[in-house]
Amino acid sequence: MYAKDIVSLALLSTEDICEILETAANLKLELRAGVKHDMLAGKALAMIFQKPSLRTRVSFENGMSQLGGHAIYLGPDDIRLGKRETTEDIAIVLSGYVDGIMARVFEHRTIVDLAKYASVPVINALCDRYHPCQILGDLLTIMEKKHVLAGLTLAFIGDGNNVAHSLINGCTKMGMGVRVACPKGYEPDQEIVEAARNAGGSVKIFNDPQEAARDADVLYTDVWASMGQEAQAAEKKHAFQGFTLNEGLLALADSEALVMHCLPAHYDEEITYGASRSRGSAIFDQAENRMHAQKAVLVLLMT
């Protein structure tokens, strides 16, 4: 893989993403066959968290362990990134201690600065603009379930947020069509949409979830108010009425459609419990595949 860092899927080539998915699939297969891996023996990953997380921390920490390395958790009060010490200084200092840096932060600028000043690989584990590792796990899940990516249509129902942005970036690079349905005023960033279109990707924006869901191969949703947007939660709950991924939307999609959600879920808001447990649900497969996709990223960047 030619990339030094994983900042955004927009910065990866289709070949890079294919290599990550192929590596992830092989690592997962070998893990289940009992094969022991030591590709990262003696190596350390610094995990910077400005936001708490279940999936991100456990998947990266256990992934490093499974690869023979170890992870160092740095919580919100351990570093106080950009407040107690500049991002530049932290990136340089950590580069002298560890072999890679993973960061789950509020602002995209923080990831960009870490990647700029660190001499070791930097992995964006979430920021306000992108969520690339999530979508790598999602693409692995869709590939496992559908055995193909190119030609499929994914409909994202909800806020035009960091998950929507990375779905646009990643899915279009793999030949998938992306539809995003959201209330007016909550559309994804137009610059990201146009960049994907200019690169040949199919991205359609709707204000009607039923129109977006019709005959889709994948229905995907996310929480309406992300962590750090608590003040907007009530406003969004009102604005997003009618944008719940429910059995009615599922009936409009392809009969073999997958149901996806990056979790945590707020049932009966962005998704109903019934839809989350439907025959096509791949929600918990996604959660597991975060680890396998991230292990592939760690191996490709740190060896």
C-alpha atoms as a PDB file:
ATOM      1  CA  MET A   1       0.000   0.000   0.000  1.00  0.00           C
ATOM      2  CA  TYR A   2       1.404   3.375  -1.002  1.00  0.00           C
ATOM      3  CA  ALA A   3      -0.336   5.447   1.674  1.00  0.00           C
ATOM      4  CA  LYS A   4       1.668   6.340   4.801  1.00  0.00           C
ATOM      5  CA  ASP A   5      -1.420   7.225   6.840  1.00  0.00           C
ATOM      6  CA  ILE A   6      -5.167   6.579   6.882  1.00  0.00           C
ATOM      7  CA  VAL A   7      -6.561  10.110   7.113  1.00  0.00           C
ATOM      8  CA  SER A   8      -9.456   9.760   4.670  1.00  0.00           C
ATOM      9  CA  LEU A   9     -10.560   7.115   2.177  1.00  0.00           C
ATOM     10  CA  ALA A  10     -10.563   9.904  -0.411  1.00  0.00           C
ATOM     11  CA  LEU A  11      -6.758   9.809  -0.215  1.00  0.00           C
ATOM     12  CA  LEU A  12      -6.578   6.052  -0.881  1.00  0.00           C
ATOM     13  CA  SER A  13      -6.676   4.458  -4.321  1.00  0.00           C
ATOM     14  CA  THR A  14      -9.071   1.690  -5.267  1.00  0.00           C
ATOM     15  CA  GLU A  15      -6.046  -0.613  -5.244  1.00  0.00           C
ATOM     16  CA  ASP A  16      -5.175   0.449  -1.685  1.00  0.00           C
ATOM     17  CA  ILE A  17      -8.688  -0.363  -0.481  1.00  0.00           C
ATOM     18  CA  CYS A  18      -8.673  -3.710  -2.300  1.00  0.00           C
ATOM     19  CA  GLU A  19      -5.362  -4.596  -0.634  1.00  0.00           C
ATOM     20  CA  ILE A  20      -6.763  -3.714   2.799  1.00  0.00           C
ATOM     21  CA  LEU A  21      -9.908  -5.808   2.230  1.00  0.00           C
ATOM     22  CA  GLU A  22      -7.966  -8.787   0.897  1.00  0.00           C
ATOM     23  CA  THR A  23      -5.518  -8.633   3.808  1.00  0.00           C
ATOM     24  CA  ALA A  24      -8.394  -8.328   6.291  1.00  0.00           C
ATOM     25  CA  ALA A  25     -10.209 -11.319   4.829  1.00  0.00           C
ATOM     26  CA  ASN A  26      -7.057 -13.448   5.014  1.00  0.00           C
ATOM     27  CA  LEU A  27      -6.254 -12.385   8.589  1.00  0.00           C
ATOM     28  CA  LYS A  28      -9.817 -13.171   9.664  1.00  0.00           C
ATOM     29  CA  LEU A  29      -9.755 -16.581   7.990  1.00  0.00           C
ATOM     30  CA  GLU A  30      -6.413 -17.478   9.557  1.00  0.00           C
ATOM     31  CA  LEU A  31      -7.489 -16.261  13.000  1.00  0.00           C
ATOM     32  CA  ARG A  32     -10.502 -18.550  12.900  1.00  0.00           C
ATOM     33  CA  ALA A  33      -8.265 -21.402  11.759  1.00  0.00           C
ATOM     34  CA  GLY A  34      -6.083 -20.887  14.825  1.00  0.00           C
ATOM     35  CA  VAL A  35      -3.096 -19.397  13.011  1.00  0.00           C
ATOM     36  CA  LYS A  36      -0.947 -17.253  15.304  1.00  0.00           C
ATOM     37  CA  HIS A  37       0.328 -13.975  13.876  1.00  0.00           C
ATOM     38  CA  ASP A  38       3.405 -12.053  14.976  1.00  0.00           C
ATOM     39  CA  MET A  39       3.685  -9.433  12.214  1.00  0.00           C
ATOM     40  CA  LEU A  40       3.751  -6.645  14.786  1.00  0.00           C
ATOM     41  CA  ALA A  41       5.805  -8.390  17.480  1.00  0.00           C
ATOM     42  CA  GLY A  42       7.669  -5.815  19.545  1.00  0.00           C
ATOM     43  CA  LYS A  43       5.695  -2.917  18.057  1.00  0.00           C
ATOM     44  CA  ALA A  44       3.498  -0.433  19.871  1.00  0.00           C
ATOM     45  CA  LEU A  45       0.453   1.603  18.899  1.00  0.00           C
ATOM     46  CA  ALA A  46      -0.454   4.808  20.729  1.00  0.00           C
ATOM     47  CA  MET A  47      -4.250   5.186  20.930  1.00  0.00           C
ATOM     48  CA  ILE A  48      -5.348   8.791  21.436  1.00  0.00           C
ATOM     49  CA  PHE A  49      -8.965   9.203  22.546  1.00  0.00           C
ATOM     50  CA  GLN A  50     -10.648  12.590  22.844  1.00  0.00           C
ATOM     51  CA  LYS A  51     -13.959  10.693  22.754  1.00  0.00           C
ATOM     52  CA  PRO A  52     -14.707   7.452  24.633  1.00  0.00           C
ATOM     53  CA  SER A  53     -15.551   4.339  22.615  1.00  0.00           C
ATOM     54  CA  LEU A  54     -16.422   0.671  22.981  1.00  0.00           C
ATOM     55  CA  ARG A  55     -15.743  -0.685  19.483  1.00  0.00           C
ATOM     56  CA  THR A  56     -12.766   1.490  18.587  1.00  0.00           C
ATOM     57  CA  ARG A  57     -10.767   0.812  21.740  1.00  0.00           C
ATOM     58  CA  VAL A  58     -11.448  -2.917  21.986  1.00  0.00           C
ATOM     59  CA  SER A  59     -11.001  -3.602  18.259  1.00  0.00           C
ATOM     60  CA  PHE A  60      -7.677  -1.761  17.998  1.00  0.00           C
ATOM     61  CA  GLU A  61      -6.309  -2.954  21.340  1.00  0.00           C
ATOM     62  CA  ASN A  62      -7.204  -6.599  20.785  1.00  0.00           C
ATOM     63  CA  GLY A  63      -6.186  -6.372  17.132  1.00  0.00           C
ATOM     64  CA  MET A  64      -2.691  -5.271  18.124  1.00  0.00           C
ATOM     65  CA  SER A  65      -2.523  -8.090  20.678  1.00  0.00           C
ATOM     66  CA  GLN A  66      -3.560 -10.666  18.062  1.00  0.00           C
ATOM     67  CA  LEU A  67      -0.778  -9.399  15.786  1.00  0.00           C
ATOM     68  CA  GLY A  68       1.853  -9.769  18.499  1.00  0.00           C
ATOM     69  CA  GLY A  69       2.149  -6.076  19.384  1.00  0.00           C
ATOM     70  CA  HIS A  70       0.644  -3.974  22.127  1.00  0.00           C
ATOM     71  CA  ALA A  71      -1.457  -0.808  22.389  1.00  0.00           C
ATOM     72  CA  ILE A  72      -1.180   2.107  24.809  1.00  0.00           C
ATOM     73  CA  TYR A  73      -4.464   3.813  25.708  1.00  0.00           C
ATOM     74  CA  LEU A  74      -4.256   7.585  26.072  1.00  0.00           C
ATOM     75  CA  GLY A  75      -7.588   8.911  27.299  1.00  0.00           C
ATOM     76  CA  PRO A  76      -9.031  12.437  27.178  1.00  0.00           C
ATOM     77  CA  ASP A  77      -7.331  13.424  30.456  1.00  0.00           C
ATOM     78  CA  ASP A  78      -3.973  11.798  29.711  1.00  0.00           C
ATOM     79  CA  ILE A  79      -2.877  14.180  26.960  1.00  0.00           C
ATOM     80  CA  ARG A  80      -5.478  16.949  26.607  1.00  0.00           C
ATOM     81  CA  LEU A  81      -4.482  17.160  22.968  1.00  0.00           C
ATOM     82  CA  GLY A  82      -3.877  20.715  21.767  1.00  0.00           C
ATOM     83  CA  LYS A  83      -4.532  22.188  25.227  1.00  0.00           C
ATOM     84  CA  ARG A  84      -1.839  20.970  27.589  1.00  0.00           C
ATOM     85  CA  GLU A  85       0.568  20.485  24.684  1.00  0.00           C
ATOM     86  CA  THR A  86       0.461  21.248  20.968  1.00  0.00           C
ATOM     87  CA  THR A  87      -0.562  18.576  18.496  1.00  0.00           C
ATOM     88  CA  GLU A  88       2.748  19.086  16.712  1.00  0.00           C
ATOM     89  CA  ASP A  89       4.790  18.384  19.839  1.00  0.00           C
ATOM     90  CA  ILE A  90       2.677  15.368  20.768  1.00  0.00           C
ATOM     91  CA  ALA A  91       3.081  13.889  17.276  1.00  0.00           C
ATOM     92  CA  ILE A  92       6.859  14.314  17.381  1.00  0.00           C
ATOM     93  CA  VAL A  93       7.226  12.948  20.931  1.00  0.00           C
ATOM     94  CA  LEU A  94       5.038   9.902  20.293  1.00  0.00           C
ATOM     95  CA  SER A  95       6.947   9.164  17.076  1.00  0.00           C
ATOM     96  CA  GLY A  96      10.014   8.574  19.243  1.00  0.00           C
ATOM     97  CA  TYR A  97       8.182   6.092  21.450  1.00  0.00           C
ATOM     98  CA  VAL A  98       5.795   4.080  19.275  1.00  0.00           C
ATOM     99  CA  ASP A  99       5.455   2.606  15.798  1.00  0.00           C
ATOM    100  CA  GLY A 100       2.013   3.999  14.979  1.00  0.00           C
ATOM    101  CA  ILE A 101      -0.601   6.452  16.228  1.00  0.00           C
ATOM    102  CA  MET A 102      -4.360   5.931  16.193  1.00  0.00           C
ATOM    103  CA  ALA A 103      -6.552   8.911  17.070  1.00  0.00           C
ATOM    104  CA  ARG A 104     -10.275   9.318  17.765  1.00  0.00           C
ATOM    105  CA  VAL A 105     -10.795  13.062  17.897  1.00  0.00           C
ATOM    106  CA  PHE A 106     -13.313  15.860  17.515  1.00  0.00           C
ATOM    107  CA  GLU A 107     -11.798  17.908  14.687  1.00  0.00           C
ATOM    108  CA  HIS A 108     -10.430  16.680  11.365  1.00  0.00           C
ATOM    109  CA  ARG A 109      -7.683  19.310  11.607  1.00  0.00           C
ATOM    110  CA  THR A 110      -6.226  17.374  14.553  1.00  0.00           C
ATOM    111  CA  ILE A 111      -5.795  14.242  12.412  1.00  0.00           C
ATOM    112  CA  VAL A 112      -4.242  16.270   9.605  1.00  0.00           C
ATOM    113  CA  ASP A 113      -1.758  17.844  12.004  1.00  0.00           C
ATOM    114  CA  LEU A 114      -0.865  14.529  13.629  1.00  0.00           C
ATOM    115  CA  ALA A 115      -0.166  13.032  10.194  1.00  0.00           C
ATOM    116  CA  LYS A 116       1.820  16.108   9.168  1.00  0.00           C
ATOM    117  CA  TYR A 117       4.181  16.083  12.132  1.00  0.00           C
ATOM    118  CA  ALA A 118       4.417  12.383  13.039  1.00  0.00           C
ATOM    119  CA  SER A 119       7.139  10.288  11.464  1.00  0.00           C
ATOM    120  CA  VAL A 120       5.148   7.098  12.132  1.00  0.00           C
ATOM    121  CA  PRO A 121       1.813   6.112  10.511  1.00  0.00           C
ATOM    122  CA  VAL A 122      -1.306   7.895  11.743  1.00  0.00           C
ATOM    123  CA  ILE A 123      -4.742   6.271  11.569  1.00  0.00           C
ATOM    124  CA  ASN A 124      -7.957   8.268  11.726  1.00  0.00           C
ATOM    125  CA  ALA A 125     -10.231   6.290  14.044  1.00  0.00           C
ATOM    126  CA  LEU A 126     -12.927   8.997  13.812  1.00  0.00           C
ATOM    127  CA  CYS A 127     -13.191  12.751  13.458  1.00  0.00           C
ATOM    128  CA  ASP A 128     -16.006  15.178  12.749  1.00  0.00           C
ATOM    129  CA  ARG A 129     -15.510  14.858   8.973  1.00  0.00           C
ATOM    130  CA  TYR A 130     -14.594  11.214   8.326  1.00  0.00           C
ATOM    131  CA  HIS A 131     -14.795   7.700   9.776  1.00  0.00           C
ATOM    132  CA  PRO A 132     -12.585   5.670   7.400  1.00  0.00           C
ATOM    133  CA  CYS A 133     -11.931   2.594   9.559  1.00  0.00           C
ATOM    134  CA  GLN A 134     -15.666   2.065  10.029  1.00  0.00           C
ATOM    135  CA  ILE A 135     -16.267   2.020   6.300  1.00  0.00           C
ATOM    136  CA  LEU A 136     -13.370  -0.373   5.658  1.00  0.00           C
ATOM    137  CA  GLY A 137     -15.073  -2.795   8.050  1.00  0.00           C
ATOM    138  CA  ASP A 138     -18.382  -2.131   6.297  1.00  0.00           C
ATOM    139  CA  LEU A 139     -16.945  -2.857   2.858  1.00  0.00           C
ATOM    140  CA  LEU A 140     -15.476  -6.110   4.180  1.00  0.00           C
ATOM    141  CA  THR A 141     -18.927  -7.021   5.531  1.00  0.00           C
ATOM    142  CA  ILE A 142     -20.718  -6.241   2.271  1.00  0.00           C
ATOM    143  CA  MET A 143     -18.114  -8.235   0.336  1.00  0.00           C
ATOM    144  CA  GLU A 144     -18.625 -11.217   2.640  1.00  0.00           C
ATOM    145  CA  LYS A 145     -22.408 -11.067   2.312  1.00  0.00           C
ATOM    146  CA  LYS A 146     -22.773 -10.113  -1.360  1.00  0.00           C
ATOM    147  CA  HIS A 147     -19.483 -11.471  -2.774  1.00  0.00           C
ATOM    148  CA  VAL A 148     -19.183  -8.315  -4.881  1.00  0.00           C
ATOM    149  CA  LEU A 149     -19.070  -4.554  -4.399  1.00  0.00           C
ATOM    150  CA  ALA A 150     -19.117  -2.992  -7.868  1.00  0.00           C
ATOM    151  CA  GLY A 151     -22.623  -2.408  -9.137  1.00  0.00           C
ATOM    152  CA  LEU A 152     -24.347  -2.486  -5.752  1.00  0.00           C
ATOM    153  CA  THR A 153     -26.402   0.444  -4.441  1.00  0.00           C
ATOM    154  CA  LEU A 154     -26.124   1.607  -0.832  1.00  0.00           C
ATOM    155  CA  ALA A 155     -28.769   3.917   0.609  1.00  0.00           C
ATOM    156  CA  PHE A 156     -27.754   5.898   3.677  1.00  0.00           C
ATOM    157  CA  ILE A 157     -30.740   7.206   5.650  1.00  0.00           C
ATOM    158  CA  GLY A 158     -29.917   9.964   8.119  1.00  0.00           C
ATOM    159  CA  ASP A 159     -27.565  12.850   8.786  1.00  0.00           C
ATOM    160  CA  GLY A 160     -24.965  13.781   6.168  1.00  0.00           C
ATOM    161  CA  ASN A 161     -22.227  13.214   8.737  1.00  0.00           C
ATOM    162  CA  ASN A 162     -18.737  11.726   8.968  1.00  0.00           C
ATOM    163  CA  VAL A 163     -20.055   8.214   8.273  1.00  0.00           C
ATOM    164  CA  ALA A 164     -21.966   9.425   5.206  1.00  0.00           C
ATOM    165  CA  HIS A 165     -18.842  11.226   3.963  1.00  0.00           C
ATOM    166  CA  SER A 166     -16.638   8.140   4.287  1.00  0.00           C
ATOM    167  CA  LEU A 167     -19.305   5.927   2.703  1.00  0.00           C
ATOM    168  CA  ILE A 168     -19.321   8.295  -0.272  1.00  0.00           C
ATOM    169  CA  ASN A 169     -15.530   8.176  -0.451  1.00  0.00           C
ATOM    170  CA  GLY A 170     -15.120   4.434   0.003  1.00  0.00           C
ATOM    171  CA  CYS A 171     -18.135   2.975  -1.768  1.00  0.00           C
ATOM    172  CA  THR A 172     -17.714   5.015  -4.947  1.00  0.00           C
ATOM    173  CA  LYS A 173     -14.051   4.005  -5.200  1.00  0.00           C
ATOM    174  CA  MET A 174     -15.233   0.383  -5.173  1.00  0.00           C
ATOM    175  CA  GLY A 175     -17.812   0.942  -7.910  1.00  0.00           C
ATOM    176  CA  MET A 176     -20.882   1.155  -5.688  1.00  0.00           C
ATOM    177  CA  GLY A 177     -23.650   3.701  -6.129  1.00  0.00           C
ATOM    178  CA  VAL A 178     -24.447   5.794  -3.047  1.00  0.00           C
ATOM    179  CA  ARG A 179     -27.770   7.417  -2.219  1.00  0.00           C
ATOM    180  CA  VAL A 180     -28.062   9.699   0.807  1.00  0.00           C
ATOM    181  CA  ALA A 181     -31.517  10.594   2.178  1.00  0.00           C
ATOM    182  CA  CYS A 182     -31.682  13.360   4.769  1.00  0.00           C
ATOM    183  CA  PRO A 183     -33.876  16.324   5.669  1.00  0.00           C
ATOM    184  CA  LYS A 184     -33.160  19.595   3.886  1.00  0.00           C
ATOM    185  CA  GLY A 185     -30.246  21.333   5.532  1.00  0.00           C
ATOM    186  CA  TYR A 186     -28.616  18.118   6.702  1.00  0.00           C
ATOM    187  CA  GLU A 187     -27.080  16.989   3.398  1.00  0.00           C
ATOM    188  CA  PRO A 188     -23.464  15.789   3.236  1.00  0.00           C
ATOM    189  CA  ASP A 189     -20.731  18.272   2.383  1.00  0.00           C
ATOM    190  CA  GLN A 190     -21.161  19.295  -1.252  1.00  0.00           C
ATOM    191  CA  GLU A 191     -17.407  19.372  -1.817  1.00  0.00           C
ATOM    192  CA  ILE A 192     -17.150  15.685  -0.861  1.00  0.00           C
ATOM    193  CA  VAL A 193     -20.137  14.794  -3.060  1.00  0.00           C
ATOM    194  CA  GLU A 194     -18.764  16.663  -6.079  1.00  0.00           C
ATOM    195  CA  ALA A 195     -15.269  15.216  -5.659  1.00  0.00           C
ATOM    196  CA  ALA A 196     -16.697  11.687  -5.755  1.00  0.00           C
ATOM    197  CA  ARG A 197     -18.822  12.515  -8.790  1.00  0.00           C
ATOM    198  CA  ASN A 198     -15.892  14.122 -10.599  1.00  0.00           C
ATOM    199  CA  ALA A 199     -13.921  10.908 -10.027  1.00  0.00           C
ATOM    200  CA  GLY A 200     -16.692   8.948 -11.770  1.00  0.00           C
ATOM    201  CA  GLY A 201     -18.706   7.909  -8.723  1.00  0.00           C
ATOM    202  CA  SER A 202     -22.490   7.775  -8.555  1.00  0.00           C
ATOM    203  CA  VAL A 203     -23.805   9.851  -5.629  1.00  0.00           C
ATOM    204  CA  LYS A 204     -27.448  10.901  -5.393  1.00  0.00           C
ATOM    205  CA  ILE A 205     -28.946  13.079  -2.658  1.00  0.00           C
ATOM    206  CA  PHE A 206     -32.616  12.737  -1.640  1.00  0.00           C
ATOM    207  CA  ASN A 207     -34.905  14.374   0.888  1.00  0.00           C
ATOM    208  CA  ASP A 208     -37.270  11.392   0.718  1.00  0.00           C
ATOM    209  CA  PRO A 209     -36.029   8.208   2.424  1.00  0.00           C
ATOM    210  CA  GLN A 210     -38.490   6.019   0.516  1.00  0.00           C
ATOM    211  CA  GLU A 211     -37.118   7.195  -2.810  1.00  0.00           C
ATOM    212  CA  ALA A 212     -33.569   6.454  -1.696  1.00  0.00           C
ATOM    213  CA  ALA A 213     -34.432   3.022  -0.282  1.00  0.00           C
ATOM    214  CA  ARG A 214     -36.241   1.704  -3.348  1.00  0.00           C
ATOM    215  CA  ASP A 215     -34.472  -1.424  -4.699  1.00  0.00           C
ATOM    216  CA  ALA A 216     -31.291  -0.635  -2.714  1.00  0.00           C
ATOM    217  CA  ASP A 217     -28.914  -3.510  -1.961  1.00  0.00           C
ATOM    218  CA  VAL A 218     -27.832  -2.019   1.380  1.00  0.00           C
ATOM    219  CA  LEU A 219     -29.758   0.186   3.814  1.00  0.00           C
ATOM    220  CA  TYR A 220     -27.471   2.010   6.238  1.00  0.00           C
ATOM    221  CA  THR A 221     -28.110   4.444   9.073  1.00  0.00           C
ATOM    222  CA  ASP A 222     -26.339   6.139  11.975  1.00  0.00           C
ATOM    223  CA  VAL A 223     -27.325   8.135  15.057  1.00  0.00           C
ATOM    224  CA  TRP A 224     -28.861  11.506  14.276  1.00  0.00           C
ATOM    225  CA  ALA A 225     -26.751  13.411  16.819  1.00  0.00           C
ATOM    226  CA  SER A 226     -23.135  12.307  17.118  1.00  0.00           C
ATOM    227  CA  MET A 227     -21.041  12.511  20.270  1.00  0.00           C
ATOM    228  CA  GLY A 228     -20.333  16.171  20.910  1.00  0.00           C
ATOM    229  CA  GLN A 229     -23.635  17.265  19.329  1.00  0.00           C
ATOM    230  CA  GLU A 230     -25.784  16.733  22.406  1.00  0.00           C
ATOM    231  CA  ALA A 231     -27.050  20.331  22.254  1.00  0.00           C
ATOM    232  CA  GLN A 232     -28.525  19.600  18.817  1.00  0.00           C
ATOM    233  CA  ALA A 233     -30.148  16.282  19.766  1.00  0.00           C
ATOM    234  CA  ALA A 234     -33.675  17.627  20.346  1.00  0.00           C
ATOM    235  CA  GLU A 235     -33.561  19.728  17.184  1.00  0.00           C
ATOM    236  CA  LYS A 236     -32.391  16.781  15.106  1.00  0.00           C
ATOM    237  CA  LYS A 237     -34.924  14.410  16.614  1.00  0.00           C
ATOM    238  CA  HIS A 238     -37.654  16.717  15.365  1.00  0.00           C
ATOM    239  CA  ALA A 239     -36.054  17.346  11.950  1.00  0.00           C
ATOM    240  CA  PHE A 240     -35.452  13.644  11.269  1.00  0.00           C
ATOM    241  CA  GLN A 241     -39.008  12.443  11.866  1.00  0.00           C
ATOM    242  CA  GLY A 242     -39.808  10.071   8.994  1.00  0.00           C
ATOM    243  CA  PHE A 243     -36.162   9.118   8.480  1.00  0.00           C
ATOM    244  CA  THR A 244     -36.199   6.015  10.680  1.00  0.00           C
ATOM    245  CA  LEU A 245     -34.853   2.854   9.055  1.00  0.00           C
ATOM    246  CA  ASN A 246     -37.857   0.628   9.714  1.00  0.00           C
ATOM    247  CA  GLU A 247     -39.610  -2.385   8.266  1.00  0.00           C
ATOM    248  CA  GLY A 248     -41.480  -0.156   5.815  1.00  0.00           C
ATOM    249  CA  LEU A 249     -38.237   1.113   4.256  1.00  0.00           C
ATOM    250  CA  LEU A 250     -36.818  -2.387   4.290  1.00  0.00           C
ATOM    251  CA  ALA A 251     -39.827  -3.605   2.277  1.00  0.00           C
ATOM    252  CA  LEU A 252     -38.980  -1.078  -0.457  1.00  0.00           C
ATOM    253  CA  ALA A 253     -35.379  -2.240  -0.779  1.00  0.00           C
ATOM    254  CA  ASP A 254     -34.153  -5.311  -2.632  1.00  0.00           C
ATOM    255  CA  SER A 255     -35.516  -8.521  -1.094  1.00  0.00           C
ATOM    256  CA  GLU A 256     -31.939  -9.539  -0.167  1.00  0.00           C
ATOM    257  CA  ALA A 257     -30.930  -6.096   1.134  1.00  0.00           C
ATOM    258  CA  LEU A 258     -28.500  -5.771   4.021  1.00  0.00           C
ATOM    259  CA  VAL A 259     -29.322  -3.598   7.036  1.00  0.00           C
ATOM    260  CA  MET A 260     -26.310  -1.769   8.479  1.00  0.00           C
ATOM    261  CA  HIS A 261     -25.638   0.566  11.404  1.00  0.00           C
ATOM    262  CA  CYS A 262     -22.220   1.534  12.777  1.00  0.00           C
ATOM    263  CA  LEU A 263     -23.527   1.546  16.403  1.00  0.00           C
ATOM    264  CA  PRO A 264     -24.290   2.547  19.068  1.00  0.00           C
ATOM    265  CA  ALA A 265     -27.978   2.477  18.094  1.00  0.00           C
ATOM    266  CA  HIS A 266     -30.860   4.516  19.492  1.00  0.00           C
ATOM    267  CA  TYR A 267     -33.767   2.188  18.812  1.00  0.00           C
ATOM    268  CA  ASP A 268     -36.958   3.764  17.488  1.00  0.00           C
ATOM    269  CA  GLU A 269     -35.040   6.875  16.510  1.00  0.00           C
ATOM    270  CA  GLU A 270     -32.747   6.237  13.525  1.00  0.00           C
ATOM    271  CA  ILE A 271     -33.620   2.499  13.400  1.00  0.00           C
ATOM    272  CA  THR A 272     -36.260   0.199  14.821  1.00  0.00           C
ATOM    273  CA  TYR A 273     -35.249  -2.804  16.888  1.00  0.00           C
ATOM    274  CA  GLY A 274     -37.144  -5.017  14.425  1.00  0.00           C
ATOM    275  CA  ALA A 275     -35.160  -3.754  11.428  1.00  0.00           C
ATOM    276  CA  SER A 276     -31.910  -4.178  13.346  1.00  0.00           C
ATOM    277  CA  ARG A 277     -32.734  -7.850  13.943  1.00  0.00           C
ATOM    278  CA  SER A 278     -34.205  -8.552  10.506  1.00  0.00           C
ATOM    279  CA  ARG A 279     -33.011 -11.384   8.279  1.00  0.00           C
ATOM    280  CA  GLY A 280     -30.729  -9.050   6.341  1.00  0.00           C
ATOM    281  CA  SER A 281     -29.148  -7.390   9.364  1.00  0.00           C
ATOM    282  CA  ALA A 282     -25.352  -7.249   9.245  1.00  0.00           C
ATOM    283  CA  ILE A 283     -24.956  -4.834  12.151  1.00  0.00           C
ATOM    284  CA  PHE A 284     -22.959  -7.100  14.428  1.00  0.00           C
ATOM    285  CA  ASP A 285     -20.914  -8.462  11.519  1.00  0.00           C
ATOM    286  CA  GLN A 286     -19.871  -4.858  10.900  1.00  0.00           C
ATOM    287  CA  ALA A 287     -18.829  -4.456  14.511  1.00  0.00           C
ATOM    288  CA  GLU A 288     -16.618  -7.554  14.366  1.00  0.00           C
ATOM    289  CA  ASN A 289     -15.178  -6.660  10.984  1.00  0.00           C
ATOM    290  CA  ARG A 290     -13.943  -3.322  12.290  1.00  0.00           C
ATOM    291  CA  MET A 291     -11.243  -5.311  14.075  1.00  0.00           C
ATOM    292  CA  HIS A 292     -10.260  -7.371  11.045  1.00  0.00           C
ATOM    293  CA  ALA A 293     -10.137  -4.348   8.715  1.00  0.00           C
ATOM    294  CA  GLN A 294      -8.121  -2.352  11.233  1.00  0.00           C
ATOM    295  CA  LYS A 295      -5.699  -5.242  11.712  1.00  0.00           C
ATOM    296  CA  ALA A 296      -5.101  -5.156   7.961  1.00  0.00           C
ATOM    297  CA  VAL A 297      -4.426  -1.426   8.132  1.00  0.00           C
ATOM    298  CA  LEU A 298      -2.010  -1.926  11.038  1.00  0.00           C
ATOM    299  CA  VAL A 299      -0.112  -4.665   9.211  1.00  0.00           C
ATOM    300  CA  LEU A 300       0.113  -2.738   5.943  1.00  0.00           C
ATOM    301  CA  LEU A 301       1.210   0.520   7.576  1.00  0.00           C
ATOM    302  CA  MET A 302       3.471  -0.782  10.356  1.00  0.00           C
ATOM    303  CA  THR A 303       5.470  -3.559   8.688  1.00  0.00           C
END
